[in-house]
Protein backbone atom coordinates (compact mmCIF):
# COMPACT_ATOMS: atom_id res chain seq x y z
CA MET A 1 106.95 119.40 152.45
CA TRP A 2 109.48 121.21 152.33
CA ALA A 3 111.13 120.59 155.65
CA ARG A 4 111.46 116.81 155.01
CA ALA A 5 112.13 117.34 151.24
CA GLY A 6 116.45 117.52 151.79
CA ILE A 7 118.82 118.75 154.67
CA VAL A 8 122.19 119.69 154.71
CA VAL A 9 123.71 119.56 157.86
CA GLY A 10 120.16 118.39 160.01
CA LEU A 11 117.40 120.38 161.44
CA LEU A 12 117.89 124.42 161.65
CA GLY A 13 117.23 124.86 165.19
CA LEU A 14 119.99 126.78 166.31
CA ALA A 15 118.23 129.20 167.37
CA ALA A 16 115.97 127.37 169.72
CA CYS A 17 119.38 127.00 171.75
CA GLY A 18 120.29 130.49 171.86
CA ALA A 19 122.83 130.32 169.54
CA GLU A 20 123.22 132.30 166.55
CA GLY A 21 125.58 130.47 164.55
CA PRO A 22 128.47 131.28 162.33
CA ARG A 23 128.35 134.48 160.53
CA PRO A 24 128.67 134.13 156.76
CA VAL A 25 130.57 137.00 155.03
CA ASP A 26 129.66 139.45 152.03
CA ALA A 27 131.80 139.07 149.09
CA THR A 28 131.91 141.37 146.89
CA VAL A 29 134.17 141.79 144.87
CA ASP A 30 135.39 145.55 144.06
CA GLU A 31 135.97 146.04 140.22
CA ALA A 32 139.50 147.44 140.75
CA SER A 33 140.67 143.51 142.09
CA PRO A 34 138.65 141.07 140.51
CA GLY A 35 138.16 137.95 142.37
CA THR A 36 139.25 139.96 145.94
CA ALA A 37 136.32 139.08 148.38
CA ALA A 38 135.72 142.63 150.42
CA ALA A 39 133.00 143.72 152.47
CA SER A 40 130.39 145.91 151.90
CA SER A 41 127.31 147.43 153.21
CA GLU A 42 126.31 149.96 151.11
CA PRO A 43 122.43 148.82 150.39
CA SER A 44 122.17 151.35 146.98
CA ALA A 45 125.99 150.60 145.56
CA VAL A 46 126.31 148.33 142.61
CA ARG A 47 129.08 146.31 142.30
CA THR A 48 130.42 143.36 140.62
CA PHE A 49 130.25 140.03 142.16
CA ASP A 50 132.67 137.51 140.48
CA LEU A 51 131.35 134.35 141.14
CA SER A 52 135.18 132.71 140.81
CA SER A 53 135.57 134.37 143.75
CA VAL A 54 133.49 131.92 145.81
CA PRO A 55 135.18 129.06 147.18
CA VAL A 56 134.07 125.40 145.71
CA SER A 57 132.44 123.41 148.25
CA VAL A 58 132.63 119.60 148.42
CA ALA A 59 130.02 119.43 151.85
CA PRO A 60 127.60 117.09 151.50
CA LEU A 61 123.99 117.67 150.05
CA GLY A 62 120.88 116.03 150.02
CA ALA A 63 118.53 116.30 147.54
CA PHE A 64 117.05 119.87 146.46
CA PRO A 65 116.47 122.07 147.69
CA TYR A 66 118.46 120.86 150.38
CA PHE A 67 117.37 122.45 153.23
CA SER A 68 114.55 122.13 156.26
CA LEU A 69 113.18 124.67 158.70
CA PRO A 70 113.70 125.19 162.10
CA ASP A 71 110.89 123.69 164.50
CA GLY A 72 107.67 126.04 164.65
CA TYR A 73 107.62 127.39 160.58
CA VAL A 74 106.04 125.48 157.64
CA THR A 75 106.28 126.33 154.47
CA THR A 76 103.29 127.72 151.91
CA GLY A 77 102.51 127.95 148.60
CA GLU A 78 105.75 125.61 147.32
CA GLU A 79 106.31 125.56 144.09
CA ILE A 80 109.40 123.91 141.96
CA ARG A 81 110.26 124.22 138.17
CA ASP A 82 112.34 122.65 136.59
CA PHE A 83 113.75 125.10 134.33
CA PHE A 84 112.90 128.94 135.27
CA SER A 85 114.36 132.19 135.82
CA PHE A 86 114.61 133.78 138.60
CA PRO A 87 115.84 137.34 139.73
CA PHE A 88 118.62 137.38 142.75
CA TRP A 89 119.29 140.72 144.22
CA VAL A 90 123.04 140.75 144.25
CA ASN A 91 125.06 143.59 145.24
CA GLY A 92 122.56 146.23 143.84
CA ALA A 93 121.08 145.08 140.84
CA PHE A 94 118.76 142.02 139.78
CA ARG A 95 121.18 139.40 138.37
CA ALA A 96 118.94 136.61 136.77
CA VAL A 97 119.66 132.82 137.34
CA GLU A 98 118.14 130.42 135.48
CA GLY A 99 117.71 126.48 136.51
CA LYS A 100 116.19 124.31 138.85
CA VAL A 101 114.37 126.90 141.13
CA TYR A 102 112.33 126.16 144.52
CA MET A 103 110.19 129.12 145.77
CA SER A 104 107.60 129.20 149.22
CA MET A 105 106.65 131.64 151.81
CA ILE A 106 107.48 130.58 155.53
CA GLU A 107 105.12 130.91 158.44
CA PRO A 108 105.23 131.04 161.63
CA GLU A 109 103.34 127.04 163.11
CA GLY A 110 100.61 127.39 165.66
CA ASP A 111 101.58 129.49 168.47
CA LYS A 112 104.59 130.33 167.18
CA ALA A 113 106.10 134.10 167.71
CA PHE A 114 107.25 135.03 164.21
CA SER A 115 111.08 136.11 163.91
CA ARG A 116 113.15 136.73 160.97
CA LEU A 117 116.39 137.20 163.01
CA GLU A 118 116.10 133.18 163.83
CA LEU A 119 115.74 132.77 160.39
CA GLN A 120 117.91 133.84 158.66
CA ARG A 121 120.33 132.80 161.49
CA ASN A 122 119.18 129.35 160.92
CA ILE A 123 119.34 129.54 156.98
CA GLU A 124 122.91 131.35 157.14
CA ALA A 125 124.52 128.96 159.55
CA VAL A 126 123.18 125.45 157.55
CA ILE A 127 125.15 128.00 154.45
CA ASN A 128 127.94 128.12 155.80
CA ARG A 129 128.15 124.53 157.02
CA ALA A 130 127.57 123.72 153.17
CA GLY A 131 130.06 126.34 152.14
CA GLY A 132 128.61 128.56 150.93
CA ILE A 133 128.38 132.70 151.30
CA LYS A 134 126.26 136.03 151.92
CA VAL A 135 126.79 137.68 149.05
CA SER A 136 124.62 140.75 149.68
CA GLN A 137 121.98 141.88 151.86
CA SER A 138 119.89 144.98 151.54
CA PRO A 139 117.23 146.95 150.21
CA VAL A 140 115.76 146.95 147.00
CA THR A 141 115.48 150.15 144.84
CA ARG A 142 112.63 151.17 143.45
CA ASP A 143 113.90 151.63 140.23
CA ALA A 144 115.14 148.37 140.28
CA LEU A 145 111.63 146.94 140.97
CA ASN A 146 110.48 149.12 137.97
CA ALA A 147 112.78 147.71 135.71
CA LEU A 148 112.11 144.01 137.06
CA GLY A 149 108.14 144.69 136.20
CA ASP A 150 105.16 143.60 137.85
CA GLN A 151 104.75 140.14 135.63
CA VAL A 152 108.12 139.08 137.06
CA ILE A 153 107.41 140.05 140.38
CA SER A 154 103.75 138.18 140.35
CA GLU A 155 105.52 135.11 138.73
CA THR A 156 107.84 135.20 141.49
CA THR A 157 106.02 136.43 144.79
CA GLY A 158 105.86 132.71 146.14
CA GLY A 159 110.10 133.02 146.32
CA THR A 160 110.73 136.61 146.66
CA GLY A 161 108.06 137.58 149.66
CA ASP A 162 107.09 141.64 149.79
CA ILE A 163 110.73 142.52 148.09
CA TYR A 164 109.17 145.94 147.78
CA ASN A 165 109.85 146.27 152.05
CA ASN A 166 111.74 143.62 152.82
CA GLU A 167 115.98 143.86 153.10
CA VAL A 168 117.23 140.92 150.74
CA ALA A 169 119.62 138.43 151.02
CA SER A 170 121.32 136.46 148.67
CA TYR A 171 123.72 133.24 149.28
CA VAL A 172 126.00 131.23 146.85
CA ILE A 173 126.89 127.78 147.33
CA ARG A 174 130.03 126.95 144.35
CA ARG A 175 129.58 123.53 143.42
CA ALA A 176 132.31 121.59 140.98
CA ASP A 177 129.16 120.95 139.13
CA LYS A 178 126.20 123.42 139.60
CA THR A 179 125.88 126.48 142.06
CA ILE A 180 122.86 126.96 144.46
CA TRP A 181 122.05 130.32 144.98
CA VAL A 182 119.43 131.66 147.97
CA HIS A 183 116.60 133.88 148.23
CA PHE A 184 116.05 135.06 151.23
CA ASP A 185 113.79 137.87 152.84
CA ALA A 186 111.33 138.41 155.79
CA GLY A 187 109.27 140.83 157.11
CA SER A 188 106.84 140.88 160.23
CA ALA A 189 104.84 137.95 160.21
CA SER A 190 105.93 135.53 157.04
CA ALA A 191 109.20 135.45 154.71
CA GLY A 192 109.74 134.52 151.07
CA LEU A 193 112.66 131.47 150.65
CA THR A 194 113.85 130.62 147.20
CA VAL A 195 116.65 128.38 146.41
CA ALA A 196 117.92 128.08 142.13
CA GLU A 197 119.94 124.97 141.07
CA THR A 198 122.04 125.87 137.89
CA ALA A 199 121.39 124.11 135.24
CA PRO A 200 121.75 123.81 131.25
CA LEU A 201 118.38 123.96 129.58
CA VAL A 202 117.98 119.97 127.74
CA VAL A 203 117.30 121.35 124.52
CA THR A 204 114.50 118.89 122.79
CA ALA A 205 113.83 120.33 119.88
CA GLY A 206 115.66 119.55 116.59
CA LEU A 207 117.74 121.53 114.12
CA LEU A 208 116.08 122.55 110.47
CA PRO A 209 117.81 121.62 107.91
CA ALA A 210 118.43 124.10 105.06
CA GLU A 211 115.53 121.94 102.79
CA GLN A 212 113.08 121.95 105.73
CA LEU A 213 113.72 125.79 106.54
CA ARG A 214 113.07 126.58 102.32
CA ARG A 215 109.56 124.81 102.59
CA GLU A 216 108.15 126.11 106.27
CA LEU A 217 109.70 130.21 104.33
CA ASP A 218 107.80 129.27 101.02
CA ALA A 219 104.75 127.79 102.90
CA ASP A 220 104.04 130.06 105.59
CA GLY A 221 106.90 132.94 104.65
CA ARG A 222 107.84 132.45 108.22
CA VAL A 223 110.28 130.32 110.37
CA ALA A 224 111.57 129.80 113.75
CA ILE A 225 114.76 128.54 114.12
CA GLN A 226 117.20 126.99 116.91
CA VAL A 227 119.68 129.24 118.12
CA ASN A 228 120.05 129.14 121.70
CA PHE A 229 121.91 132.07 123.52
CA ALA A 230 123.83 132.79 126.89
CA THR A 231 121.78 134.10 129.33
CA ASP A 232 120.73 137.63 129.34
CA LYS A 233 123.16 138.25 126.33
CA ALA A 234 123.81 138.15 122.33
CA ASP A 235 126.20 135.69 122.16
CA ILE A 236 125.78 132.44 120.21
CA LEU A 237 126.37 129.34 121.99
CA PRO A 238 128.32 126.56 119.93
CA GLU A 239 125.78 124.31 119.69
CA SER A 240 123.98 126.58 117.64
CA ARG A 241 126.63 126.02 114.75
CA GLY A 242 124.40 123.24 112.98
CA GLN A 243 121.18 125.95 112.69
CA ILE A 244 123.44 128.76 111.56
CA ASP A 245 125.15 126.15 108.80
CA ALA A 246 121.68 125.24 107.81
CA VAL A 247 120.34 128.71 107.89
CA LEU A 248 124.11 129.73 105.54
CA GLY A 249 122.73 127.05 103.22
CA LEU A 250 119.31 127.82 101.95
CA LEU A 251 121.02 131.39 101.44
CA ARG A 252 123.37 130.18 99.61
CA SER A 253 121.63 127.89 97.60
CA GLN A 254 118.79 131.11 96.66
CA PRO A 255 121.41 133.98 96.07
CA SER A 256 118.10 136.28 95.53
CA LEU A 257 116.12 135.17 99.43
CA ARG A 258 115.82 138.40 101.61
CA LEU A 259 115.17 137.84 105.34
CA GLY A 260 113.71 139.32 108.60
CA VAL A 261 115.55 137.97 111.17
CA GLU A 262 113.58 138.03 114.58
CA GLY A 263 114.27 137.68 118.17
CA HIS A 264 111.34 137.24 120.31
CA THR A 265 110.84 136.84 124.03
CA ASP A 266 108.75 135.92 127.05
CA THR A 267 107.38 138.27 129.28
CA THR A 268 110.12 138.10 132.02
CA GLY A 269 111.40 140.65 132.36
CA ALA A 270 111.16 144.58 131.87
CA ALA A 271 109.96 144.79 128.27
CA ALA A 272 111.97 147.52 127.26
CA HIS A 273 115.02 145.36 128.39
CA ASN A 274 114.07 142.15 126.46
CA ARG A 275 113.10 144.21 122.87
CA ALA A 276 116.87 145.70 123.46
CA LEU A 277 118.03 142.11 123.90
CA SER A 278 115.46 140.89 121.28
CA GLU A 279 117.41 143.19 118.81
CA ALA A 280 120.77 142.00 119.87
CA ARG A 281 119.94 138.94 119.39
CA ALA A 282 118.57 139.07 115.81
CA ARG A 283 121.83 141.05 114.95
CA SER A 284 124.26 138.89 116.36
CA ILE A 285 122.74 136.19 113.63
CA VAL A 286 122.76 138.68 111.36
CA ALA A 287 126.59 139.06 112.08
CA THR A 288 127.66 135.80 112.18
CA LEU A 289 125.82 135.10 108.49
CA THR A 290 127.22 137.69 106.85
CA GLY A 291 130.86 137.40 108.44
CA ALA A 292 130.23 133.59 106.52
CA GLY A 293 129.85 135.85 103.11
CA ILE A 294 126.43 136.98 103.12
CA ALA A 295 125.45 140.14 101.81
CA ALA A 296 123.93 142.86 104.43
CA ASN A 297 121.31 143.85 102.48
CA ARG A 298 119.71 140.61 102.42
CA LEU A 299 119.18 140.54 105.89
CA GLU A 300 117.68 142.88 107.91
CA PRO A 301 117.31 142.33 112.32
CA ARG A 302 114.29 142.71 114.31
CA GLY A 303 113.74 142.63 117.68
CA PHE A 304 110.15 142.34 118.93
CA GLY A 305 110.27 141.59 123.13
CA PRO A 306 107.61 140.13 124.43
CA ASP A 307 105.50 142.07 121.97
CA ARG A 308 104.57 139.16 118.97
CA PRO A 309 103.40 136.35 121.74
CA VAL A 310 102.67 132.62 119.70
CA ALA A 311 101.48 131.13 123.07
CA GLY A 312 100.22 131.87 126.38
CA ASN A 313 102.92 133.30 129.06
CA ASP A 314 101.30 132.26 132.03
CA THR A 315 103.36 128.51 131.58
CA GLU A 316 106.43 127.40 131.70
CA ALA A 317 105.88 125.69 127.69
CA GLY A 318 103.73 128.99 126.55
CA ARG A 319 106.97 131.13 127.86
CA ALA A 320 109.80 128.83 125.65
CA ARG A 321 107.68 128.84 123.31
CA ASN A 322 107.48 132.70 123.08
CA ARG A 323 111.24 132.87 123.43
CA ARG A 324 112.50 132.11 119.50
CA VAL A 325 113.89 133.87 116.66
CA GLU A 326 112.19 133.88 113.49
CA LEU A 327 113.29 134.25 110.02
CA VAL A 328 110.26 135.80 107.59
CA LYS A 329 110.61 136.47 103.66
CA LEU A 330 111.48 139.96 102.89
């Protein structure tokens, strides 16, 4: 299916003609010289990657997922998720990229002999023509795999392939309106491929006004609020201002009310990291409320990570319900 879904610049048949095609340049950014691309072949070094160092491409693109395969290769287990988080291996560390994600395995067709080099050279040539670069290529460290967690790996196996044993190459095509990330790894008989197109989450849930917050707290003792954060950070996004204002209104109207502010995540990523992140997000909300004049002894931040799900984590809808902030009466 994927070979016919979208094409950057035609079929990737370079290797079949004996040509390797142009080689992309690694784009690692030295922390001492931000914005300056520098080559690095250190497989275990964790180096800073500055997306702004990648030139903006204006090359024409086809439909998502943009690329086609060389003759003799087919995709298996294709999966497209409209909004998903995929761990890209970038210069010695995993970088979560959120947006529309395509994942698949690549295998030879019929009597075709599998060639990792043929596949990778074809992919690199097309990414180059699309104005992209190779960010890094190295094996994934055991510590990084352990921190990532089996749950994440199992959810992304179709796109990550065998990252336990294969080198992983990551590529970036930077556009004015989005960034396209490509993951590739291959063994002796198959490869894993992921294409991710960054896009903001379309929030369909509505903000809860102060009066509705009060009613739900009175009825259930807890209520989920709509607060959005920067990816993998505790920074509250500007569109959450209205919800924060509603919580402020609730607290100001009931001077004796004390609340626990609880952060929760789904099971994507390492559990320990998610617990720390959820607590940091709860503390960020508390800091915002106290900064607006609410007494600190009326608020108690708590982070539970994935430990208290309200839905299954086997579907995107369930994971979305589990990623939440709740106010709890104390």
